[in-house]
Amino acid sequence: MKDLIEIRWHGRGGQGAKTASLLLADAAFNTGKYIQGFPEYGPERMGAPITAYNRISNNPINIHSNIYYPDYVVVVDDSLLDSVDVTAGLKDDGAIIINTTLDTETLKSKLNKYNGAIYKLDARKISMEALGKYFPNTPMLAGIVKISNIMADEEFLNNMTESFKHKFAKKPEVIDGNMKALKIALNEIEKI
């Protein structure tokens, strides 16, 4: 892992982008890394575009601002590609991961000629299979861990098992589905 990794999440209110960024921060912290995880929203309403951020480092982090030049971008809802410049400031040696079923040419045409790595994941299919409902944040969380190499897959899954036990203490029946969604996503991410 390079010294400082910066990640920007794009989603819509209610899709769990903020929650996923905080879960990522928690998992990275549990491996001994320094972390930041924070959201930015406009009017807080279901379906409105939101942005969340992560900074992860092996050293203390002294920056306290939004992330303008991310190493990675996570797009939880591909409809945002038509209204938000998700590649703004994204480094060419970084990557973007998008929850989508769009074909490669259509996807590339929506990314402002971004030259870095592009990954896609069908988080809808995965969450419906694993959870029976559409929760795209869980598969997208696994996707960003996989492409950024923040931690090894097994370490990530072990951390998430513990995190889900705490988060879903009153609903333990959802833990297995969330773990299944993470495992499927780790294997189904596709570089285009």
Protein backbone atom coordinates (compact mmCIF):
# COMPACT_ATOMS: atom_id res chain seq x y z
CA MET A 1 0.00 0.00 0.00
CA LYS A 2 1.31 3.44 -0.79
CA ASP A 3 1.67 5.88 2.10
CA LEU A 4 -1.68 7.65 1.68
CA ILE A 5 -4.70 6.41 -0.23
CA GLU A 6 -7.58 8.79 -0.86
CA ILE A 7 -10.99 7.51 -1.95
CA ARG A 8 -14.08 9.44 -3.02
CA TRP A 9 -17.52 7.78 -2.99
CA HIS A 10 -20.46 8.95 -5.13
CA GLY A 11 -23.92 7.68 -4.35
CA ARG A 12 -27.46 8.72 -3.62
CA GLY A 13 -29.00 9.21 -0.19
CA GLY A 14 -30.20 5.87 1.13
CA GLN A 15 -27.83 3.67 -0.90
CA GLY A 16 -25.27 3.32 1.87
CA ALA A 17 -22.24 5.11 0.39
CA LYS A 18 -21.63 6.92 3.68
CA THR A 19 -22.04 3.69 5.65
CA ALA A 20 -19.66 1.85 3.31
CA SER A 21 -17.01 4.57 3.68
CA LEU A 22 -17.29 4.34 7.47
CA LEU A 23 -17.12 0.53 7.39
CA LEU A 24 -13.98 0.76 5.23
CA ALA A 25 -12.43 3.21 7.70
CA ASP A 26 -13.26 0.85 10.57
CA ALA A 27 -11.80 -2.20 8.81
CA ALA A 28 -8.60 -0.32 7.92
CA PHE A 29 -8.29 0.98 11.49
CA ASN A 30 -8.55 -2.59 12.77
CA THR A 31 -5.47 -3.48 10.72
CA GLY A 32 -3.43 -0.75 12.43
CA LYS A 33 -3.80 1.95 9.77
CA TYR A 34 -4.60 5.60 10.31
CA ILE A 35 -7.95 6.50 8.83
CA GLN A 36 -10.49 9.16 8.03
CA GLY A 37 -14.03 8.48 6.84
CA PHE A 38 -16.53 11.29 6.41
CA PRO A 39 -19.53 12.31 4.28
CA GLU A 40 -20.52 15.51 2.52
CA TYR A 41 -24.11 16.16 1.59
CA GLY A 42 -26.31 18.89 0.32
CA PRO A 43 -29.96 18.67 1.30
CA GLU A 44 -30.32 15.40 3.18
CA ARG A 45 -33.02 13.52 1.35
CA MET A 46 -33.48 10.06 -0.06
CA GLY A 47 -32.13 9.86 -3.60
CA ALA A 48 -30.12 13.11 -3.53
CA PRO A 49 -26.47 12.85 -4.63
CA ILE A 50 -24.02 12.49 -1.76
CA THR A 51 -20.26 12.24 -1.55
CA ALA A 52 -18.23 10.42 1.08
CA TYR A 53 -14.49 10.17 1.57
CA ASN A 54 -11.76 7.94 2.98
CA ARG A 55 -8.12 8.56 3.74
CA ILE A 56 -6.07 5.54 4.74
CA SER A 57 -2.39 5.60 5.65
CA ASN A 58 0.33 3.80 7.56
CA ASN A 59 1.24 7.18 9.11
CA PRO A 60 -0.74 9.84 10.97
CA ILE A 61 -2.97 11.92 8.66
CA ASN A 62 -2.73 15.69 9.10
CA ILE A 63 -5.01 16.71 6.23
CA HIS A 64 -8.54 17.76 7.18
CA SER A 65 -10.35 18.69 3.98
CA ASN A 66 -12.42 17.12 1.26
CA ILE A 67 -10.56 15.00 -1.28
CA TYR A 68 -10.06 16.78 -4.59
CA TYR A 69 -7.51 14.46 -6.23
CA PRO A 70 -8.51 10.93 -5.22
CA ASP A 71 -6.58 7.78 -5.99
CA TYR A 72 -9.85 5.87 -6.30
CA VAL A 73 -13.48 6.70 -6.97
CA VAL A 74 -16.44 4.46 -6.11
CA VAL A 75 -19.70 5.11 -7.99
CA VAL A 76 -22.55 3.38 -6.17
CA ASP A 77 -25.22 4.53 -8.68
CA ASP A 78 -24.37 4.70 -12.39
CA SER A 79 -27.16 7.23 -13.03
CA LEU A 80 -24.81 9.77 -11.46
CA LEU A 81 -22.53 9.42 -14.50
CA ASP A 82 -24.98 11.65 -16.39
CA SER A 83 -25.10 14.44 -13.81
CA VAL A 84 -21.88 14.38 -11.74
CA ASP A 85 -18.29 14.57 -12.98
CA VAL A 86 -17.20 11.50 -11.04
CA THR A 87 -13.72 11.56 -12.61
CA ALA A 88 -12.96 15.14 -11.51
CA GLY A 89 -9.42 15.16 -10.11
CA LEU A 90 -9.13 11.35 -10.30
CA LYS A 91 -5.49 10.40 -10.79
CA ASP A 92 -4.65 8.49 -13.98
CA ASP A 93 -2.63 5.99 -11.96
CA GLY A 94 -5.68 5.34 -9.79
CA ALA A 95 -8.94 3.64 -10.66
CA ILE A 96 -12.70 4.00 -10.71
CA ILE A 97 -15.17 1.27 -9.78
CA ILE A 98 -18.78 1.59 -10.90
CA ASN A 99 -21.93 -0.30 -9.96
CA THR A 100 -23.27 -0.87 -13.47
CA THR A 101 -24.43 -3.23 -16.17
CA LEU A 102 -23.59 -0.75 -18.95
CA ASP A 103 -21.48 -2.06 -21.81
CA THR A 104 -17.85 -1.00 -22.01
CA GLU A 105 -18.21 1.59 -24.80
CA THR A 106 -21.19 3.31 -23.18
CA LEU A 107 -19.42 3.37 -19.85
CA LYS A 108 -16.21 4.82 -21.27
CA SER A 109 -18.16 7.51 -23.13
CA LYS A 110 -19.59 8.74 -19.80
CA LEU A 111 -16.20 9.03 -18.07
CA ASN A 112 -14.81 12.19 -19.70
CA LYS A 113 -11.96 10.33 -21.43
CA TYR A 114 -10.56 9.10 -18.12
CA ASN A 115 -7.29 7.23 -18.84
CA GLY A 116 -6.92 5.22 -15.66
CA ALA A 117 -8.20 1.77 -14.76
CA ILE A 118 -11.96 1.23 -14.91
CA TYR A 119 -13.72 -1.55 -13.03
CA LYS A 120 -17.36 -2.51 -12.93
CA LEU A 121 -19.46 -4.60 -10.61
CA ASP A 122 -23.14 -5.51 -10.77
CA ALA A 123 -23.95 -4.68 -7.15
CA ARG A 124 -27.69 -5.00 -7.80
CA LYS A 125 -27.38 -8.62 -8.93
CA ILE A 126 -25.02 -9.48 -6.07
CA SER A 127 -27.12 -7.87 -3.35
CA MET A 128 -30.35 -9.39 -4.66
CA GLU A 129 -28.70 -12.83 -4.74
CA ALA A 130 -27.08 -12.55 -1.33
CA LEU A 131 -29.52 -10.34 0.58
CA GLY A 132 -32.80 -10.52 -1.30
CA LYS A 133 -32.89 -6.70 -1.40
CA TYR A 134 -31.00 -3.96 -3.20
CA PHE A 135 -28.17 -2.78 -0.94
CA PRO A 136 -25.35 -1.80 -3.33
CA ASN A 137 -22.96 -0.54 -0.66
CA THR A 138 -21.87 -3.97 0.58
CA PRO A 139 -20.64 -5.28 -2.80
CA MET A 140 -19.06 -1.90 -3.63
CA LEU A 141 -17.17 -1.95 -0.32
CA ALA A 142 -15.62 -5.29 -1.29
CA GLY A 143 -14.87 -3.95 -4.76
CA ILE A 144 -12.84 -0.97 -3.54
CA VAL A 145 -10.89 -3.13 -1.09
CA LYS A 146 -10.04 -5.52 -3.93
CA ILE A 147 -8.82 -2.91 -6.43
CA SER A 148 -6.99 -0.71 -3.91
CA ASN A 149 -5.16 -3.52 -2.07
CA ILE A 150 -5.76 -1.78 1.24
CA MET A 151 -5.75 -5.21 2.86
CA ALA A 152 -5.81 -8.85 1.84
CA ASP A 153 -9.19 -10.44 1.10
CA GLU A 154 -9.08 -12.76 4.13
CA GLU A 155 -8.10 -9.94 6.48
CA PHE A 156 -10.95 -7.83 5.09
CA LEU A 157 -13.51 -10.62 5.46
CA ASN A 158 -12.40 -11.34 9.03
CA ASN A 159 -12.69 -7.64 9.91
CA MET A 160 -16.11 -7.38 8.31
CA THR A 161 -17.40 -10.44 10.18
CA GLU A 162 -16.57 -8.72 13.47
CA SER A 163 -17.88 -5.36 12.26
CA PHE A 164 -21.19 -6.86 11.12
CA LYS A 165 -21.58 -8.70 14.45
CA HIS A 166 -21.43 -5.32 16.15
CA LYS A 167 -23.44 -3.34 13.56
CA PHE A 168 -26.19 -5.97 13.28
CA ALA A 169 -26.25 -7.12 16.93
CA LYS A 170 -30.04 -6.75 16.96
CA LYS A 171 -30.46 -8.29 13.47
CA PRO A 172 -27.93 -11.15 13.34
CA GLU A 173 -29.93 -12.85 10.57
CA VAL A 174 -28.54 -10.33 8.03
CA ILE A 175 -24.86 -11.05 8.76
CA ASP A 176 -24.58 -14.16 6.57
CA GLY A 177 -26.16 -12.40 3.57
CA ASN A 178 -23.82 -9.43 3.88
CA MET A 179 -20.79 -11.71 4.15
CA LYS A 180 -21.99 -13.63 1.09
CA ALA A 181 -22.34 -10.34 -0.85
CA LEU A 182 -18.76 -9.37 0.07
CA LYS A 183 -17.37 -12.73 -1.03
CA ILE A 184 -19.23 -12.70 -4.36
CA ALA A 185 -18.12 -9.13 -5.09
CA LEU A 186 -14.46 -9.94 -4.39
CA ASN A 187 -14.67 -12.58 -7.13
CA GLU A 188 -16.90 -10.82 -9.67
CA ILE A 189 -15.23 -7.43 -10.03
CA GLU A 190 -14.38 -6.88 -13.68
CA LYS A 191 -11.69 -4.66 -15.17
CA ILE A 192 -12.67 -3.18 -18.52
